[in-house]
N, C-alpha and C. Protein backbone atom coordinates (compact mmCIF):
# COMPACT_ATOMS: atom_id res chain seq x y z
N MET A 1 32.88 14.83 -1.74
CA MET A 1 31.73 13.99 -1.85
C MET A 1 31.00 13.77 -0.27
N ARG A 2 32.13 13.68 0.66
CA ARG A 2 31.77 13.40 2.08
C ARG A 2 30.96 14.88 2.62
N ARG A 3 31.42 15.99 1.77
CA ARG A 3 30.79 16.96 2.13
C ARG A 3 29.35 17.17 1.99
N LEU A 4 29.09 16.80 0.73
CA LEU A 4 27.67 16.34 -0.18
C LEU A 4 26.75 15.96 0.82
N ILE A 5 27.41 14.69 1.31
CA ILE A 5 26.32 13.46 1.74
C ILE A 5 26.15 14.31 3.12
N LEU A 6 27.21 14.89 3.83
CA LEU A 6 26.68 15.17 4.95
C LEU A 6 25.68 16.64 5.25
N PHE A 7 26.04 17.51 4.07
CA PHE A 7 25.14 18.42 3.59
C PHE A 7 23.35 17.83 3.53
N LEU A 8 23.63 16.85 2.82
CA LEU A 8 22.20 16.16 2.28
C LEU A 8 21.31 15.58 3.69
N ILE A 9 22.20 15.10 4.39
CA ILE A 9 21.84 14.31 5.89
C ILE A 9 21.26 15.51 6.59
N MET A 10 22.05 16.76 6.82
CA MET A 10 21.62 17.76 7.55
C MET A 10 20.35 18.56 6.91
N THR A 11 20.44 18.52 5.66
CA THR A 11 19.27 19.19 5.16
C THR A 11 17.92 18.52 5.56
N ILE A 12 18.11 17.25 5.18
CA ILE A 12 16.72 16.33 5.51
C ILE A 12 16.46 16.40 6.86
N SER A 13 17.57 16.18 7.78
CA SER A 13 17.34 16.27 9.29
C SER A 13 16.68 17.50 9.54
N ALA A 14 17.10 18.60 9.07
CA ALA A 14 16.75 20.07 9.40
C ALA A 14 15.20 20.13 9.15
N SER A 15 14.76 19.64 7.95
CA SER A 15 13.41 19.86 7.54
C SER A 15 12.55 18.93 8.23
N CYS A 16 12.96 17.91 8.63
CA CYS A 16 12.24 16.76 9.54
C CYS A 16 11.79 17.47 10.95
N ALA A 17 12.96 17.95 11.54
CA ALA A 17 12.91 18.49 12.69
C ALA A 17 12.00 19.67 13.09
N SER A 18 11.92 20.41 11.87
CA SER A 18 11.13 21.71 11.95
C SER A 18 9.47 21.33 11.53
N GLY A 19 9.23 20.26 11.54
CA GLY A 19 8.06 20.11 11.22
C GLY A 19 7.48 20.31 9.70
N GLN A 20 8.36 20.50 8.71
CA GLN A 20 7.90 21.02 7.58
C GLN A 20 7.63 19.64 7.05
N SER A 21 6.60 20.12 6.13
CA SER A 21 5.93 18.72 5.35
C SER A 21 6.56 18.53 3.89
N ASN A 22 6.60 17.36 3.44
CA ASN A 22 6.53 17.09 2.08
C ASN A 22 5.57 16.69 1.27
N ASN A 23 5.10 17.60 0.51
CA ASN A 23 3.95 17.07 -0.35
C ASN A 23 3.99 16.33 -1.41
N ASN A 24 5.39 15.65 -1.82
CA ASN A 24 5.77 14.80 -2.57
C ASN A 24 5.67 13.47 -2.02
N PHE A 25 4.61 12.59 -2.22
CA PHE A 25 4.33 11.48 -1.44
C PHE A 25 5.52 10.56 -1.73
N ASP A 26 6.18 10.29 -2.78
CA ASP A 26 7.33 9.34 -3.29
C ASP A 26 8.41 9.69 -2.24
N ASP A 27 8.61 10.93 -1.97
CA ASP A 27 9.80 11.29 -0.92
C ASP A 27 9.37 11.10 0.17
N PHE A 28 8.28 11.35 0.70
CA PHE A 28 7.53 11.30 1.85
C PHE A 28 7.63 9.71 2.50
N PHE A 29 7.27 8.78 1.33
CA PHE A 29 7.21 7.29 1.77
C PHE A 29 8.59 6.68 1.95
N VAL A 30 9.36 7.04 1.23
CA VAL A 30 10.97 6.67 1.40
C VAL A 30 11.40 7.13 2.81
N MET A 31 11.04 8.47 3.26
CA MET A 31 11.43 8.80 4.68
C MET A 31 10.51 7.81 5.64
N PHE A 32 9.29 7.55 5.13
CA PHE A 32 8.51 6.76 6.30
C PHE A 32 8.90 5.35 6.34
N MET A 33 9.51 4.89 5.22
CA MET A 33 9.77 3.43 5.45
C MET A 33 11.05 3.31 6.11
N ASN A 34 12.05 4.26 5.91
CA ASN A 34 13.28 4.12 6.60
C ASN A 34 13.80 4.80 7.71
N ASP A 35 12.86 5.44 8.43
CA ASP A 35 13.30 6.33 9.81
C ASP A 35 12.08 6.11 10.67
N CYS A 36 12.22 5.47 11.61
CA CYS A 36 11.08 5.07 12.82
C CYS A 36 10.87 6.47 13.18
N VAL A 37 11.60 7.46 13.63
CA VAL A 37 11.29 8.52 14.41
C VAL A 37 10.33 9.37 13.31
N PHE A 38 10.92 9.54 12.04
CA PHE A 38 9.94 10.54 10.92
C PHE A 38 8.70 9.49 11.02
N GLN A 39 8.65 7.81 11.06
CA GLN A 39 7.35 7.47 10.91
C GLN A 39 6.01 7.64 12.09
N SER A 40 6.79 7.44 13.28
CA SER A 40 5.89 7.79 14.32
C SER A 40 5.42 9.38 14.45
N SER A 41 6.12 10.32 13.97
CA SER A 41 5.73 11.74 13.85
C SER A 41 4.85 11.84 12.70
N HIS A 42 4.38 10.85 11.91
CA HIS A 42 3.79 11.01 10.57
C HIS A 42 2.62 10.07 10.78
N VAL A 43 1.83 10.06 11.81
CA VAL A 43 0.76 8.98 12.23
C VAL A 43 -0.50 10.16 12.74
N VAL A 44 -1.63 10.01 12.56
CA VAL A 44 -2.81 10.33 13.07
C VAL A 44 -2.54 10.07 14.45
N ASP A 45 -3.41 11.07 15.21
CA ASP A 45 -3.63 10.58 16.86
C ASP A 45 -3.85 9.12 17.27
N SER A 46 -4.69 8.72 16.27
CA SER A 46 -5.21 7.44 16.48
C SER A 46 -5.51 6.80 15.23
N VAL A 47 -4.70 5.73 14.78
CA VAL A 47 -4.63 4.95 13.70
C VAL A 47 -5.46 3.48 13.88
N LEU A 48 -6.36 3.54 12.83
CA LEU A 48 -7.43 2.36 12.84
C LEU A 48 -6.76 1.10 12.19
N LEU A 49 -6.92 0.08 12.82
CA LEU A 49 -6.28 -1.19 12.15
C LEU A 49 -7.60 -2.02 11.91
N ILE A 50 -8.27 -2.31 10.81
CA ILE A 50 -9.38 -2.91 10.51
C ILE A 50 -8.91 -3.98 9.92
N GLN A 51 -9.47 -5.20 10.28
CA GLN A 51 -9.19 -6.64 10.15
C GLN A 51 -10.48 -6.86 9.39
N TYR A 52 -10.23 -7.77 8.26
CA TYR A 52 -11.32 -8.34 7.35
C TYR A 52 -11.12 -9.98 7.53
N ASN A 53 -12.37 -10.78 7.31
CA ASN A 53 -12.06 -12.15 7.16
C ASN A 53 -11.98 -12.58 5.46
N GLY A 54 -11.66 -13.65 5.43
CA GLY A 54 -11.58 -14.14 3.83
C GLY A 54 -12.87 -14.35 3.28
N ASP A 55 -13.79 -14.13 3.46
CA ASP A 55 -15.17 -14.35 2.94
C ASP A 55 -15.83 -13.22 1.93
N GLY A 56 -14.77 -12.25 1.46
CA GLY A 56 -15.07 -11.31 0.63
C GLY A 56 -16.10 -10.47 0.90
N ILE A 57 -16.01 -10.24 2.15
CA ILE A 57 -17.26 -8.99 2.86
C ILE A 57 -16.60 -7.60 2.25
N THR A 58 -17.47 -6.63 2.43
CA THR A 58 -17.15 -5.32 1.52
C THR A 58 -16.52 -4.56 2.91
N GLU A 59 -15.96 -3.53 2.35
CA GLU A 59 -15.24 -2.48 3.92
C GLU A 59 -16.20 -2.13 4.64
N ASN A 60 -17.50 -1.98 4.39
CA ASN A 60 -18.37 -1.63 5.25
C ASN A 60 -18.68 -2.70 6.42
N GLU A 61 -18.28 -3.83 6.12
CA GLU A 61 -18.53 -5.04 7.17
C GLU A 61 -17.36 -5.54 7.65
N GLN A 62 -16.73 -4.57 8.46
CA GLN A 62 -15.44 -4.93 9.06
C GLN A 62 -15.44 -5.86 10.15
N MET A 63 -14.86 -6.81 10.20
CA MET A 63 -14.45 -7.95 11.13
C MET A 63 -14.29 -7.38 12.45
N ASP A 64 -13.14 -6.62 12.58
CA ASP A 64 -12.43 -6.23 13.95
C ASP A 64 -11.90 -4.63 13.91
N THR A 65 -11.83 -4.02 14.64
CA THR A 65 -11.27 -2.58 14.72
C THR A 65 -10.29 -2.46 16.00
N ILE A 66 -9.10 -2.01 15.87
CA ILE A 66 -8.30 -1.58 16.76
C ILE A 66 -7.64 -0.41 16.65
N GLU A 67 -7.39 0.50 17.59
CA GLU A 67 -6.97 1.88 17.64
C GLU A 67 -5.60 1.73 17.90
N PHE A 68 -4.50 2.55 17.26
CA PHE A 68 -3.26 2.37 17.80
C PHE A 68 -2.60 3.82 17.82
N TYR A 69 -2.45 4.26 18.98
CA TYR A 69 -2.38 5.65 19.13
C TYR A 69 -0.74 6.08 18.89
N GLN A 70 -0.72 7.31 18.52
CA GLN A 70 0.70 7.76 18.07
C GLN A 70 1.78 8.02 19.61
N LYS A 71 1.01 8.08 20.47
CA LYS A 71 2.21 8.04 21.49
C LYS A 71 2.85 6.91 21.73
N SER A 72 2.18 5.85 21.40
CA SER A 72 2.67 4.26 21.73
C SER A 72 3.22 3.75 20.38
N TRP A 73 3.25 4.55 19.06
CA TRP A 73 3.39 4.04 17.76
C TRP A 73 4.53 2.67 17.93
N GLN A 74 4.45 1.86 17.34
CA GLN A 74 5.74 0.71 16.85
C GLN A 74 5.99 0.69 15.38
N CYS A 75 7.08 1.00 15.33
CA CYS A 75 7.61 1.20 13.82
C CYS A 75 7.13 -0.05 13.07
N ILE A 76 6.75 0.13 11.87
CA ILE A 76 6.60 -0.78 10.64
C ILE A 76 7.61 -1.18 9.70
N ASP A 77 8.13 -2.09 9.54
CA ASP A 77 9.25 -2.42 8.85
C ASP A 77 8.90 -2.58 7.50
N PHE A 78 8.73 -1.74 6.59
CA PHE A 78 8.32 -1.94 5.23
C PHE A 78 9.02 -2.67 4.34
N HIS A 79 10.25 -2.94 5.01
CA HIS A 79 11.38 -4.10 3.90
C HIS A 79 10.97 -5.17 4.08
N LEU A 80 10.10 -5.67 4.98
CA LEU A 80 9.41 -7.12 4.72
C LEU A 80 8.59 -7.41 3.64
N TYR A 81 7.99 -6.19 3.32
CA TYR A 81 6.93 -6.33 2.22
C TYR A 81 7.52 -6.35 0.83
N GLU A 82 6.70 -6.84 -0.13
CA GLU A 82 6.95 -6.95 -1.44
C GLU A 82 5.67 -6.35 -2.21
N ASN A 83 5.88 -6.37 -3.49
CA ASN A 83 4.98 -5.68 -4.31
C ASN A 83 4.08 -4.58 -3.88
N ILE A 84 4.73 -3.55 -3.37
CA ILE A 84 4.11 -2.35 -2.93
C ILE A 84 3.76 -1.47 -3.93
N LYS A 85 2.52 -1.26 -4.30
CA LYS A 85 1.52 -0.61 -5.10
C LYS A 85 0.75 0.61 -4.72
N GLU A 86 1.29 1.95 -5.17
CA GLU A 86 0.98 3.25 -4.86
C GLU A 86 -0.31 3.74 -5.72
N GLU A 87 -1.37 4.10 -4.80
CA GLU A 87 -2.54 4.71 -5.43
C GLU A 87 -2.42 6.27 -4.80
N VAL A 88 -2.08 7.24 -5.36
CA VAL A 88 -1.83 8.43 -4.79
C VAL A 88 -2.59 9.40 -5.52
N SER A 89 -3.56 10.31 -4.98
CA SER A 89 -4.06 11.61 -5.41
C SER A 89 -3.17 12.97 -4.71
N GLU A 90 -3.88 13.82 -4.93
CA GLU A 90 -3.54 15.00 -4.28
C GLU A 90 -3.28 15.09 -2.95
N ARG A 91 -4.56 14.70 -2.22
CA ARG A 91 -4.60 14.62 -0.78
C ARG A 91 -4.77 13.19 0.02
N THR A 92 -4.54 12.22 -0.83
CA THR A 92 -4.60 10.59 -0.28
C THR A 92 -3.77 9.74 -0.93
N ALA A 93 -3.36 8.85 -0.23
CA ALA A 93 -2.84 7.74 -0.75
C ALA A 93 -2.78 6.36 -0.31
N VAL A 94 -2.51 5.41 -0.92
CA VAL A 94 -2.73 3.96 -0.25
C VAL A 94 -1.54 3.22 -0.92
N ILE A 95 -1.10 2.53 0.08
CA ILE A 95 0.18 1.42 -0.26
C ILE A 95 -0.49 0.28 0.25
N ARG A 96 -0.39 -0.72 -0.85
CA ARG A 96 -1.08 -2.10 -0.93
C ARG A 96 0.41 -3.02 -0.62
N SER A 97 0.23 -3.60 0.42
CA SER A 97 1.46 -4.33 0.55
C SER A 97 1.35 -5.91 0.91
N ARG A 98 2.35 -6.80 0.42
CA ARG A 98 2.22 -8.27 1.22
C ARG A 98 3.41 -8.87 1.36
N ILE A 99 3.33 -9.98 1.86
CA ILE A 99 4.52 -10.62 2.29
C ILE A 99 4.09 -12.25 1.46
N GLU A 100 5.08 -12.30 0.60
CA GLU A 100 4.87 -13.20 -0.45
C GLU A 100 4.94 -14.79 0.27
N ASP A 101 4.15 -15.54 -0.28
CA ASP A 101 3.81 -16.80 0.27
C ASP A 101 3.41 -16.86 1.62
N THR A 102 2.62 -15.88 2.29
CA THR A 102 2.58 -15.75 3.77
C THR A 102 0.95 -15.65 3.62
N GLY A 103 0.19 -15.00 2.83
CA GLY A 103 -0.79 -14.83 2.86
C GLY A 103 -1.50 -13.22 3.72
N VAL A 104 -0.16 -12.73 3.82
CA VAL A 104 -0.34 -11.35 4.66
C VAL A 104 -0.62 -10.13 3.18
N VAL A 105 -1.44 -9.61 3.42
CA VAL A 105 -1.95 -8.34 2.85
C VAL A 105 -2.42 -7.17 3.51
N LEU A 106 -1.72 -5.94 3.42
CA LEU A 106 -2.22 -4.87 4.23
C LEU A 106 -2.19 -3.81 3.37
N SER A 107 -3.35 -2.79 3.55
CA SER A 107 -3.40 -1.64 2.82
C SER A 107 -3.10 -0.36 3.98
N PHE A 108 -2.17 0.18 3.59
CA PHE A 108 -2.08 1.39 4.38
C PHE A 108 -2.54 2.79 3.73
N TYR A 109 -3.15 3.45 4.53
CA TYR A 109 -3.85 4.81 3.87
C TYR A 109 -3.48 5.88 4.39
N PHE A 110 -3.01 6.81 3.73
CA PHE A 110 -2.19 8.27 4.36
C PHE A 110 -3.33 9.11 3.75
N VAL A 111 -3.31 10.49 4.47
CA VAL A 111 -3.98 11.69 4.09
C VAL A 111 -3.09 12.76 4.37
N LEU A 112 -3.08 14.06 3.44
CA LEU A 112 -2.61 15.19 3.58
C LEU A 112 -3.19 15.79 4.77
N VAL A 113 -2.63 16.10 5.91
CA VAL A 113 -3.28 16.88 6.91
C VAL A 113 -2.37 18.20 7.15
N ASP A 114 -2.86 19.25 6.97
CA ASP A 114 -2.03 20.52 7.06
C ASP A 114 -0.73 20.37 6.53
N GLU A 115 -0.91 19.89 5.29
CA GLU A 115 0.56 19.90 4.36
C GLU A 115 1.43 18.84 4.84
N LYS A 116 1.00 17.69 5.44
CA LYS A 116 1.97 16.82 6.20
C LYS A 116 1.36 15.55 6.09
N TRP A 117 2.00 14.55 5.35
CA TRP A 117 1.36 13.26 5.21
C TRP A 117 1.35 12.30 6.39
N CYS A 118 0.54 11.98 6.70
CA CYS A 118 0.01 10.93 7.94
C CYS A 118 -0.75 9.83 7.78
N LEU A 119 -0.29 8.58 8.38
CA LEU A 119 -0.76 7.25 7.97
C LEU A 119 -2.08 7.30 9.19
N CYS A 120 -3.36 7.08 8.35
CA CYS A 120 -4.41 7.27 9.17
C CYS A 120 -5.14 5.88 9.50
N ARG A 121 -5.17 4.99 8.58
CA ARG A 121 -5.72 3.48 8.76
C ARG A 121 -4.90 2.58 8.02
N ILE A 122 -5.11 1.41 8.58
CA ILE A 122 -4.32 0.18 7.96
C ILE A 122 -5.38 -0.59 8.23
N ILE A 123 -5.52 -1.58 6.69
CA ILE A 123 -6.49 -2.46 6.73
C ILE A 123 -5.96 -3.80 6.24
N ASP A 124 -6.12 -4.97 7.10
CA ASP A 124 -5.50 -6.08 6.88
C ASP A 124 -6.57 -7.06 6.37
N TYR A 125 -6.15 -7.41 5.23
CA TYR A 125 -6.68 -8.27 4.41
C TYR A 125 -6.06 -10.03 4.74
N SER A 126 -5.36 -9.96 5.17
CA SER A 126 -4.59 -11.37 5.52
C SER A 126 -5.42 -12.44 5.74
N MET A 127 -4.96 -13.71 5.21
CA MET A 127 -6.14 -14.86 5.63
C MET A 127 -5.21 -15.78 6.30
């Protein structure tokens, strides 16, 4: 059993280290949630954080935009969030997350770039 676990860990580490992408979004997102190094290597060069106010504005009427750069990426702790809902297509995915009873609501947008899933945008709907 111990050898099997070691084999699985080494296989996963080797595939991540070699830069091979995982086309299966579910598997990708589990790694993205649980591994900060993996997470930082799977964001586009500059991730947009778009903040909206609570007045029901449309996505075209953004309140504020901030860019986060891959080289200074801070790990997101997805374990803080509840009710994660996925909308996944062949090349894009959206994870909507919230922290219960806080008013924090975020949408994380992912795209498939060169066969590698990457976070490209975060929209903050928090009130």
